[in-house]
Amino acid sequence: AAHIIRECLTNTLWGKGASESQIDDSSFIAAADTLYDEQLGLSLAWTESKTIKDFISNVLDHINAELYVDRISNLWTLKLIRDDYDEDEL
């Protein structure tokens, strides 16, 4: 799913055409590794009846994640929403 989202962001023919330098590699790699460990794979077809934004939103819903442009780095960032935090540190 992380690879699907990245392709949607960077593909210059049918995607958003973002540059690879606009992607937070570490967040996408971490998400891809977690999804692999969870054995959560996706195979989805995009039809032009939906926008790329809607397609990405569908993928995010499947993997319970958020995609955003980080305010500090200004990079597309993928964050999985998981119970992986310490409540005392919030």
N, C-alpha and C. Protein backbone atom coordinates (compact mmCIF):
# COMPACT_ATOMS: atom_id res chain seq x y z
N ALA A 1 0.82 -1.21 0.00
CA ALA A 1 0.00 0.00 0.00
C ALA A 1 0.87 1.27 0.00
N ALA A 2 1.98 1.24 0.72
CA ALA A 2 2.88 2.40 0.74
C ALA A 2 3.42 2.66 -0.67
N HIS A 3 3.72 1.57 -1.39
CA HIS A 3 4.22 1.71 -2.75
C HIS A 3 3.15 2.26 -3.69
N ILE A 4 1.91 1.85 -3.49
CA ILE A 4 0.80 2.35 -4.30
C ILE A 4 0.67 3.86 -4.11
N ILE A 5 0.69 4.30 -2.86
CA ILE A 5 0.55 5.73 -2.57
C ILE A 5 1.71 6.52 -3.16
N ARG A 6 2.91 6.00 -2.99
CA ARG A 6 4.09 6.69 -3.54
C ARG A 6 3.98 6.82 -5.06
N GLU A 7 3.54 5.76 -5.72
CA GLU A 7 3.39 5.81 -7.18
C GLU A 7 2.33 6.84 -7.58
N CYS A 8 1.25 6.89 -6.84
CA CYS A 8 0.21 7.89 -7.12
C CYS A 8 0.74 9.31 -6.98
N LEU A 9 1.61 9.52 -6.02
CA LEU A 9 2.18 10.84 -5.81
C LEU A 9 3.20 11.22 -6.88
N THR A 10 4.02 10.26 -7.31
CA THR A 10 5.17 10.59 -8.16
C THR A 10 4.99 10.32 -9.65
N ASN A 11 4.00 9.53 -10.03
CA ASN A 11 3.84 9.19 -11.44
C ASN A 11 3.52 10.45 -12.24
N THR A 12 4.30 10.68 -13.29
CA THR A 12 4.12 11.90 -14.09
C THR A 12 3.11 11.73 -15.22
N LEU A 13 2.70 10.50 -15.50
CA LEU A 13 1.71 10.28 -16.57
C LEU A 13 0.28 10.36 -16.06
N TRP A 14 0.00 9.71 -14.94
CA TRP A 14 -1.38 9.67 -14.44
C TRP A 14 -1.49 10.08 -12.97
N GLY A 15 -0.37 10.24 -12.27
CA GLY A 15 -0.39 10.60 -10.86
C GLY A 15 -0.25 12.09 -10.66
N LYS A 16 0.13 12.47 -9.46
CA LYS A 16 0.27 13.88 -9.12
C LYS A 16 1.57 14.50 -9.65
N GLY A 17 2.53 13.67 -10.04
CA GLY A 17 3.76 14.17 -10.64
C GLY A 17 4.72 14.82 -9.67
N ALA A 18 4.62 14.48 -8.38
CA ALA A 18 5.55 15.04 -7.40
C ALA A 18 6.94 14.47 -7.64
N SER A 19 7.94 15.26 -7.33
CA SER A 19 9.33 14.82 -7.45
C SER A 19 9.65 13.85 -6.32
N GLU A 20 10.56 12.91 -6.58
CA GLU A 20 11.02 11.99 -5.54
C GLU A 20 11.59 12.75 -4.34
N SER A 21 12.15 13.93 -4.60
CA SER A 21 12.73 14.73 -3.52
C SER A 21 11.67 15.34 -2.61
N GLN A 22 10.41 15.23 -3.00
CA GLN A 22 9.30 15.75 -2.19
C GLN A 22 8.69 14.68 -1.30
N ILE A 23 9.29 13.50 -1.27
CA ILE A 23 8.77 12.37 -0.51
C ILE A 23 9.66 12.12 0.71
N ASP A 24 9.06 11.95 1.87
CA ASP A 24 9.80 11.58 3.08
C ASP A 24 10.06 10.07 3.03
N ASP A 25 11.23 9.71 2.49
CA ASP A 25 11.57 8.30 2.31
C ASP A 25 11.44 7.49 3.59
N SER A 26 11.93 8.04 4.69
CA SER A 26 11.93 7.26 5.94
C SER A 26 10.52 6.92 6.40
N SER A 27 9.57 7.83 6.21
CA SER A 27 8.20 7.53 6.64
C SER A 27 7.56 6.48 5.74
N PHE A 28 7.85 6.51 4.45
CA PHE A 28 7.30 5.53 3.53
C PHE A 28 7.93 4.15 3.74
N ILE A 29 9.24 4.13 4.01
CA ILE A 29 9.92 2.85 4.27
C ILE A 29 9.41 2.24 5.57
N ALA A 30 9.27 3.06 6.61
CA ALA A 30 8.76 2.56 7.89
C ALA A 30 7.35 2.00 7.74
N ALA A 31 6.50 2.71 6.99
CA ALA A 31 5.14 2.24 6.77
C ALA A 31 5.15 0.94 5.97
N ALA A 32 5.95 0.88 4.93
CA ALA A 32 6.04 -0.33 4.10
C ALA A 32 6.52 -1.52 4.92
N ASP A 33 7.52 -1.30 5.77
CA ASP A 33 8.04 -2.38 6.61
C ASP A 33 6.98 -2.88 7.59
N THR A 34 6.25 -1.96 8.21
CA THR A 34 5.19 -2.35 9.15
C THR A 34 4.09 -3.11 8.43
N LEU A 35 3.67 -2.62 7.28
CA LEU A 35 2.62 -3.30 6.52
C LEU A 35 3.07 -4.69 6.09
N TYR A 36 4.33 -4.82 5.72
CA TYR A 36 4.88 -6.13 5.36
C TYR A 36 4.83 -7.07 6.57
N ASP A 37 5.28 -6.56 7.72
CA ASP A 37 5.26 -7.37 8.94
C ASP A 37 3.84 -7.79 9.32
N GLU A 38 2.88 -6.93 9.02
CA GLU A 38 1.47 -7.23 9.32
C GLU A 38 0.84 -8.11 8.24
N GLN A 39 1.61 -8.40 7.21
CA GLN A 39 1.12 -9.17 6.05
C GLN A 39 -0.10 -8.50 5.41
N LEU A 40 -0.06 -7.16 5.37
CA LEU A 40 -1.15 -6.39 4.81
C LEU A 40 -0.73 -5.92 3.41
N GLY A 41 -1.12 -6.66 2.41
CA GLY A 41 -0.82 -6.31 1.04
C GLY A 41 -2.10 -5.90 0.32
N LEU A 42 -1.97 -5.06 -0.67
CA LEU A 42 -3.13 -4.61 -1.44
C LEU A 42 -2.86 -4.76 -2.92
N SER A 43 -3.90 -5.05 -3.64
CA SER A 43 -3.88 -5.04 -5.09
C SER A 43 -5.16 -4.36 -5.53
N LEU A 44 -5.03 -3.11 -5.92
CA LEU A 44 -6.19 -2.30 -6.30
C LEU A 44 -5.98 -1.72 -7.69
N ALA A 45 -7.03 -1.61 -8.41
CA ALA A 45 -6.97 -0.97 -9.73
C ALA A 45 -7.57 0.42 -9.64
N TRP A 46 -6.86 1.39 -10.20
CA TRP A 46 -7.40 2.75 -10.27
C TRP A 46 -8.11 2.91 -11.61
N THR A 47 -9.33 3.33 -11.53
CA THR A 47 -10.05 3.66 -12.76
C THR A 47 -10.22 5.17 -12.78
N GLU A 48 -10.25 5.71 -13.94
CA GLU A 48 -10.32 7.16 -14.05
C GLU A 48 -11.68 7.72 -13.64
N SER A 49 -12.58 6.84 -13.17
CA SER A 49 -13.87 7.33 -12.67
C SER A 49 -13.71 7.99 -11.30
N LYS A 50 -12.57 7.74 -10.64
CA LYS A 50 -12.24 8.38 -9.37
C LYS A 50 -11.00 9.24 -9.56
N THR A 51 -10.89 10.27 -8.75
CA THR A 51 -9.67 11.08 -8.79
C THR A 51 -8.55 10.34 -8.08
N ILE A 52 -7.33 10.76 -8.34
CA ILE A 52 -6.17 10.18 -7.64
C ILE A 52 -6.31 10.43 -6.14
N LYS A 53 -6.79 11.61 -5.79
CA LYS A 53 -6.98 11.94 -4.37
C LYS A 53 -7.94 10.94 -3.72
N ASP A 54 -9.05 10.62 -4.39
CA ASP A 54 -10.01 9.66 -3.85
C ASP A 54 -9.42 8.26 -3.77
N PHE A 55 -8.62 7.89 -4.78
CA PHE A 55 -7.99 6.58 -4.78
C PHE A 55 -7.01 6.45 -3.61
N ILE A 56 -6.18 7.48 -3.41
CA ILE A 56 -5.24 7.48 -2.29
C ILE A 56 -6.01 7.40 -0.97
N SER A 57 -7.09 8.13 -0.87
CA SER A 57 -7.91 8.10 0.34
C SER A 57 -8.44 6.70 0.62
N ASN A 58 -8.82 5.98 -0.43
CA ASN A 58 -9.30 4.61 -0.29
C ASN A 58 -8.18 3.70 0.24
N VAL A 59 -6.97 3.86 -0.29
CA VAL A 59 -5.83 3.08 0.18
C VAL A 59 -5.55 3.41 1.65
N LEU A 60 -5.55 4.68 2.00
CA LEU A 60 -5.32 5.09 3.38
C LEU A 60 -6.35 4.49 4.33
N ASP A 61 -7.60 4.44 3.90
CA ASP A 61 -8.65 3.82 4.71
C ASP A 61 -8.36 2.34 4.95
N HIS A 62 -7.88 1.65 3.92
CA HIS A 62 -7.58 0.23 4.04
C HIS A 62 -6.46 -0.05 5.05
N ILE A 63 -5.48 0.84 5.10
CA ILE A 63 -4.31 0.58 5.95
C ILE A 63 -4.33 1.40 7.24
N ASN A 64 -5.38 2.20 7.44
CA ASN A 64 -5.52 3.05 8.62
C ASN A 64 -4.29 3.95 8.77
N ALA A 65 -4.19 4.91 7.87
CA ALA A 65 -3.03 5.79 7.82
C ALA A 65 -3.43 7.20 7.42
N GLU A 66 -2.50 8.11 7.59
CA GLU A 66 -2.65 9.49 7.16
C GLU A 66 -1.50 9.85 6.22
N LEU A 67 -1.81 10.68 5.24
CA LEU A 67 -0.81 11.21 4.32
C LEU A 67 -0.90 12.72 4.41
N TYR A 68 0.24 13.36 4.62
CA TYR A 68 0.24 14.80 4.78
C TYR A 68 1.59 15.38 4.36
N VAL A 69 1.60 16.66 4.12
CA VAL A 69 2.86 17.37 3.88
C VAL A 69 3.31 17.93 5.22
N ASP A 70 4.46 17.47 5.69
CA ASP A 70 4.99 17.89 6.97
C ASP A 70 5.30 19.38 6.95
N ARG A 71 4.89 20.07 7.99
CA ARG A 71 5.06 21.54 8.05
C ARG A 71 6.52 21.96 8.14
N ILE A 72 7.35 21.12 8.71
CA ILE A 72 8.76 21.48 8.88
C ILE A 72 9.60 21.08 7.67
N SER A 73 9.45 19.82 7.25
CA SER A 73 10.28 19.33 6.13
C SER A 73 9.67 19.66 4.77
N ASN A 74 8.39 19.93 4.75
CA ASN A 74 7.65 20.19 3.51
C ASN A 74 7.66 18.98 2.58
N LEU A 75 7.70 17.77 3.17
CA LEU A 75 7.73 16.53 2.41
C LEU A 75 6.43 15.75 2.63
N TRP A 76 6.00 15.03 1.59
CA TRP A 76 4.88 14.11 1.73
C TRP A 76 5.28 13.04 2.74
N THR A 77 4.46 12.85 3.75
CA THR A 77 4.76 11.94 4.85
C THR A 77 3.61 10.96 5.03
N LEU A 78 3.95 9.69 5.20
CA LEU A 78 2.96 8.64 5.41
C LEU A 78 3.09 8.14 6.85
N LYS A 79 1.99 8.22 7.61
CA LYS A 79 2.01 7.80 9.01
C LYS A 79 0.88 6.80 9.24
N LEU A 80 1.26 5.59 9.63
CA LEU A 80 0.28 4.58 10.00
C LEU A 80 -0.27 4.91 11.37
N ILE A 81 -1.56 4.71 11.53
CA ILE A 81 -2.19 4.94 12.83
C ILE A 81 -2.27 3.60 13.53
N ARG A 82 -1.37 3.43 14.49
CA ARG A 82 -1.25 2.18 15.23
C ARG A 82 -1.14 2.48 16.71
N ASP A 83 -1.38 1.48 17.52
CA ASP A 83 -1.24 1.60 18.96
C ASP A 83 0.22 1.37 19.33
N ASP A 84 1.08 2.30 18.88
CA ASP A 84 2.52 2.14 19.06
C ASP A 84 3.14 3.31 19.82
N TYR A 85 2.41 3.81 20.79
CA TYR A 85 2.89 4.96 21.53
C TYR A 85 2.78 4.70 23.04
N ASP A 86 3.49 5.49 23.78
CA ASP A 86 3.45 5.43 25.23
C ASP A 86 2.54 6.55 25.72
N GLU A 87 1.43 6.19 26.38
CA GLU A 87 0.47 7.20 26.83
C GLU A 87 1.11 8.23 27.77
N ASP A 88 2.10 7.83 28.55
CA ASP A 88 2.75 8.74 29.48
C ASP A 88 3.54 9.82 28.77
N GLU A 89 3.91 9.57 27.51
CA GLU A 89 4.69 10.56 26.75
C GLU A 89 3.81 11.52 25.96
N LEU A 90 2.50 11.30 25.98
CA LEU A 90 1.60 12.19 25.22
C LEU A 90 1.37 13.50 25.94
